[in-house]
Every structure is written in structure tokens, then in C-alpha cells.
Protein backbone atom coordinates (compact mmCIF):
# COMPACT_ATOMS: atom_id res chain seq x y z
CA MET A 1 -116.01 63.84 142.49
CA SER A 2 -116.55 60.09 142.07
CA VAL A 3 -115.42 58.09 139.05
CA VAL A 4 -119.08 57.82 137.98
CA ASP A 5 -119.56 61.62 138.25
CA ARG A 6 -116.40 62.21 136.19
CA THR A 7 -117.59 59.70 133.59
CA LEU A 8 -120.98 61.42 133.37
CA GLN A 9 -119.34 64.84 132.96
CA THR A 10 -117.09 63.46 130.20
CA GLN A 11 -120.09 61.95 128.42
CA LEU A 12 -122.00 65.25 128.63
CA ARG A 13 -118.98 67.16 127.22
CA ASN A 14 -118.77 64.63 124.39
CA ILE A 15 -122.48 65.12 123.64
CA GLU A 16 -121.91 68.88 123.47
CA SER A 17 -118.98 68.32 121.12
CA ARG A 18 -120.89 65.91 118.85
CA THR A 19 -123.95 68.13 118.58
CA GLY A 20 -122.13 71.48 118.53
CA GLN A 21 -124.56 72.73 121.19
CA SER A 22 -124.13 73.55 124.87
CA LEU A 23 -126.13 71.70 127.53
CA ALA A 24 -128.24 74.86 127.97
CA GLU A 25 -129.02 74.89 124.24
CA LEU A 26 -129.81 71.17 124.26
CA THR A 27 -132.08 71.62 127.28
CA ALA A 28 -133.89 74.47 125.49
CA TYR A 29 -134.19 72.25 122.39
CA VAL A 30 -135.86 69.50 124.41
CA ASP A 31 -138.08 71.98 126.23
CA ALA A 32 -139.18 73.45 122.88
CA SER A 33 -140.22 69.99 121.69
CA GLY A 34 -142.98 69.92 124.31
CA LEU A 35 -142.18 66.28 125.13
CA THR A 36 -142.25 65.26 128.79
CA LYS A 37 -141.78 61.48 128.89
CA HIS A 38 -138.30 60.01 129.10
CA GLY A 39 -138.74 57.51 126.26
CA GLN A 40 -140.26 60.09 123.91
CA ILE A 41 -137.46 62.57 124.55
CA ARG A 42 -134.76 59.92 124.16
CA ASP A 43 -136.21 58.71 120.86
CA MET A 44 -136.55 62.28 119.57
CA LEU A 45 -132.89 62.98 120.39
CA LYS A 46 -131.82 59.81 118.61
CA GLN A 47 -133.81 60.74 115.49
CA THR A 48 -133.21 64.47 115.27
CA LEU A 49 -129.65 64.73 116.58
CA GLY A 50 -128.36 61.32 115.55
CA LEU A 51 -127.31 60.41 119.08
CA GLY A 52 -126.80 56.80 120.08
CA TYR A 53 -129.05 55.23 122.71
CA GLY A 54 -126.64 55.80 125.61
CA ASP A 55 -125.97 59.45 124.81
CA ALA A 56 -129.66 60.19 124.16
CA ASN A 57 -130.61 58.44 127.41
CA THR A 58 -127.99 60.36 129.43
CA LEU A 59 -128.99 63.69 127.90
CA THR A 60 -132.67 62.96 128.58
CA HIS A 61 -131.90 62.18 132.22
CA TYR A 62 -129.85 65.37 132.46
CA VAL A 63 -132.67 67.51 131.02
CA LEU A 64 -135.38 65.92 133.15
CA THR A 65 -133.26 66.32 136.28
CA ALA A 66 -132.68 69.99 135.41
CA ARG A 67 -136.48 70.46 135.37
CA MET A 68 -136.82 69.21 138.96
CA PRO A 69 -137.00 71.65 141.85
CA PRO A 70 -133.67 71.95 143.72
CA GLY A 71 -133.10 68.96 145.99
CA ALA A 72 -135.97 66.91 144.55
CA GLU A 73 -133.71 64.24 143.04
CA GLN A 74 -131.92 63.74 146.36
CA ALA A 75 -135.16 63.56 148.35
CA ALA A 76 -135.61 59.84 147.84
CA THR A 77 -132.91 57.60 149.25
CA PRO A 78 -131.72 54.60 147.23
CA ASP A 79 -133.36 52.31 149.80
CA ALA A 80 -136.70 54.09 149.37
CA ALA A 81 -136.44 53.90 145.59
CA ILE A 82 -135.66 50.18 145.71
CA ALA A 83 -138.54 49.61 148.14
CA ALA A 84 -140.84 51.36 145.66
CA LEU A 85 -139.66 49.06 142.84
CA TYR A 86 -140.69 46.03 144.87
CA SER A 87 -143.99 47.25 146.23
CA GLY A 88 -147.56 46.13 145.59
CA THR A 89 -147.87 43.10 143.32
CA LYS A 90 -144.07 42.89 142.98
CA ALA A 91 -143.33 42.74 146.72
CA ASP A 92 -142.72 38.97 146.55
CA LEU A 93 -139.72 39.61 144.26
CA ARG A 94 -137.72 41.56 146.84
CA PRO A 95 -136.00 38.44 148.29
CA ILE A 96 -134.54 37.72 144.82
CA HIS A 97 -133.19 41.26 144.62
CA ASP A 98 -131.78 41.05 148.15
CA GLU A 99 -130.08 37.72 147.43
CA LEU A 100 -128.48 39.13 144.27
CA MET A 101 -127.25 42.24 146.11
CA ALA A 102 -125.81 40.20 148.98
CA GLU A 103 -123.75 38.18 146.51
CA ILE A 104 -122.66 41.21 144.45
CA GLU A 105 -121.64 43.25 147.52
CA ALA A 106 -118.98 40.61 148.21
CA PHE A 107 -117.21 41.61 144.95
CA GLY A 108 -116.14 45.03 146.25
CA ALA A 109 -117.06 48.67 145.69
CA PHE A 110 -119.69 49.80 143.18
CA GLU A 111 -122.43 52.39 142.88
CA VAL A 112 -126.14 51.58 143.24
CA ALA A 113 -128.22 53.97 141.13
CA PRO A 114 -131.97 53.34 141.33
CA ARG A 115 -133.96 54.27 138.23
CA LYS A 116 -137.70 54.31 137.64
CA THR A 117 -138.01 50.59 136.76
CA TYR A 118 -134.65 49.06 137.70
CA VAL A 119 -131.46 49.50 139.70
CA SER A 120 -128.26 50.28 137.82
CA LEU A 121 -125.03 48.86 139.25
CA ARG A 122 -121.91 50.75 138.17
CA ARG A 123 -118.18 50.86 138.53
CA ARG A 124 -116.46 52.92 135.86
CA LYS A 125 -119.43 51.93 133.71
CA GLN A 126 -122.67 50.05 134.25
CA PHE A 127 -122.11 46.33 134.70
CA ALA A 128 -125.61 45.19 135.65
CA MET A 129 -129.26 46.21 135.87
CA ILE A 130 -131.68 44.53 138.27
CA GLY A 131 -135.42 45.04 138.41
CA PRO A 132 -138.82 43.42 138.35
CA ALA A 133 -139.66 42.28 134.83
CA THR A 134 -143.05 40.79 135.63
CA ARG A 135 -145.02 40.01 138.78
CA SER A 136 -143.14 36.73 139.03
CA GLN A 137 -139.63 37.42 137.68
CA VAL A 138 -136.67 39.70 138.31
CA GLU A 139 -134.64 40.57 135.24
CA VAL A 140 -130.87 40.90 135.42
CA GLY A 141 -129.18 42.74 132.58
CA LEU A 142 -125.44 42.16 132.17
CA ASN A 143 -122.79 44.16 130.35
CA ALA A 144 -120.17 41.52 129.71
CA LYS A 145 -118.22 41.25 126.48
CA SER A 146 -118.84 37.57 125.90
CA LEU A 147 -120.65 34.99 127.97
CA PRO A 148 -120.93 31.33 126.98
CA PRO A 149 -124.21 30.29 125.36
CA ASN A 150 -126.74 29.16 127.94
CA SER A 151 -130.48 28.50 127.87
CA ARG A 152 -130.92 30.82 130.88
CA LEU A 153 -129.14 33.70 129.15
CA THR A 154 -130.48 35.81 126.27
CA GLU A 155 -128.10 37.87 124.16
CA GLN A 156 -129.59 41.27 123.32
CA PRO A 157 -129.46 43.09 119.98
CA THR A 158 -126.78 45.74 119.51
CA GLY A 159 -127.67 49.12 120.98
CA ARG A 160 -129.52 47.86 124.04
CA MET A 161 -128.63 48.95 127.56
CA CYS A 162 -127.24 45.49 128.35
CA ARG A 163 -125.61 42.84 126.22
CA TYR A 164 -127.26 39.90 128.04
CA LYS A 165 -130.35 39.30 130.14
CA THR A 166 -131.56 36.55 132.39
CA ARG A 167 -134.71 36.23 134.49
CA LEU A 168 -135.01 34.77 137.97
CA ALA A 169 -138.21 33.56 139.63
CA SER A 170 -136.78 32.52 142.99
CA PRO A 171 -133.86 33.35 145.31
CA LYS A 172 -132.70 29.76 144.72
CA GLU A 173 -132.00 30.71 141.08
CA VAL A 174 -129.31 33.13 142.31
CA ASP A 175 -126.81 30.33 141.91
CA GLU A 176 -123.12 30.02 141.10
CA GLU A 177 -123.76 30.27 137.36
CA VAL A 178 -125.60 33.60 137.64
CA ILE A 179 -123.07 35.00 140.09
CA THR A 180 -120.22 34.00 137.75
CA TRP A 181 -121.86 35.96 134.90
CA ILE A 182 -122.35 39.01 137.12
CA ARG A 183 -118.78 38.76 138.42
CA GLN A 184 -117.43 38.77 134.86
CA ALA A 185 -119.45 41.89 134.04
CA TYR A 186 -118.28 43.51 137.31
CA ASP A 187 -114.62 42.78 136.54
CA GLU A 188 -114.92 44.11 132.99
CA ALA A 189 -116.51 47.35 134.24
CA GLY A 190 -113.63 48.04 136.39
């Protein structure tokens, strides 16, 4: 079992402990709500069970994955999922993504976990999120404790998936400054 799998299992056990309900009971609770969309389920869990964003998001992913037919989640490869992110009107953004990944891969080992609208990069915890923000920009979310103020960097409110975000419109913007920010987040996730 990978470090990420162990971390996920620990988080799910902690959710069971906090709520006093088993994963089966929590799954039945979500199913009984009649909600089907990730964001709706997550928000409902935050409101009704008092879970934080991360726990509600993880539990929602767990429940929705449990609803899938066996093997459905593994059917799409990470490469196929990333290709889907950068298809259609967002195809021109793929070189930015590829440039970022080439730089980040030089840091060492990490997990690439494609999601519906972004790619999560994880070590012991998530250190970055990369995905198309608009038709002309890729957004990079960073989980670093403290980065120096910079006009290219936006600090996010507490409770968001990432502490900082920046947007890139060209592979040329994947410069030393951006890579230094990502490297700090990578090291801290470690």
C-alpha cells in the first residue's frame, strides 16, 4: 500500500471516528439524500455532519467511487484523463501543463492523480493542483505554508484546497520563480 493509500485510509477512519458512523452508514446517508453531484454532496456533508472541506471532499469521492461499477475508476489511465482535460477549446494549454510536469518530475517521486477538472500532485499530501482555468490560462494551486508576496501569486482564503494560486498563459511563464514556489510546496509535502 502506498503512502497516499495509507493516508487516505487514515483520513477515512478519522471521518468514521468524528461522525460516529461507519463508511457503509455514511454511504447510505449520502444515498438517502438523493444528491448525485460531487459539489452538492460535499456541501451537504459539511452542513449536516460538520465536516471540514477536505474530509467532506474525500468522503464524497469515496461514496461516488463506491457507486461505480467494479473496475470503472481504473478504466481511464492518467494519461487519458489528462488528455481529456486539455481537449477541445483547451487543447492549446497542454504545452503549459507539459512544461510544468517536466520541471516537477525533476524533483523526485510523487503521485499524479487526475480529477475531473484538474490534476492533483501528491507526496504524503497534496502539494499542487494543475488544470485549465480558462481557455487561455492554466491554474496552478500550491500548498505551501508561506510564500513571499508577489503580483503573480494569489493567497486563498482559509479552507480552500490550496493556499496559493497562480495562472499561466504560456509555457514561457513556467519560469524559475514558479518552479521555486512549486519546489517549496513539494518539499513541505514530503
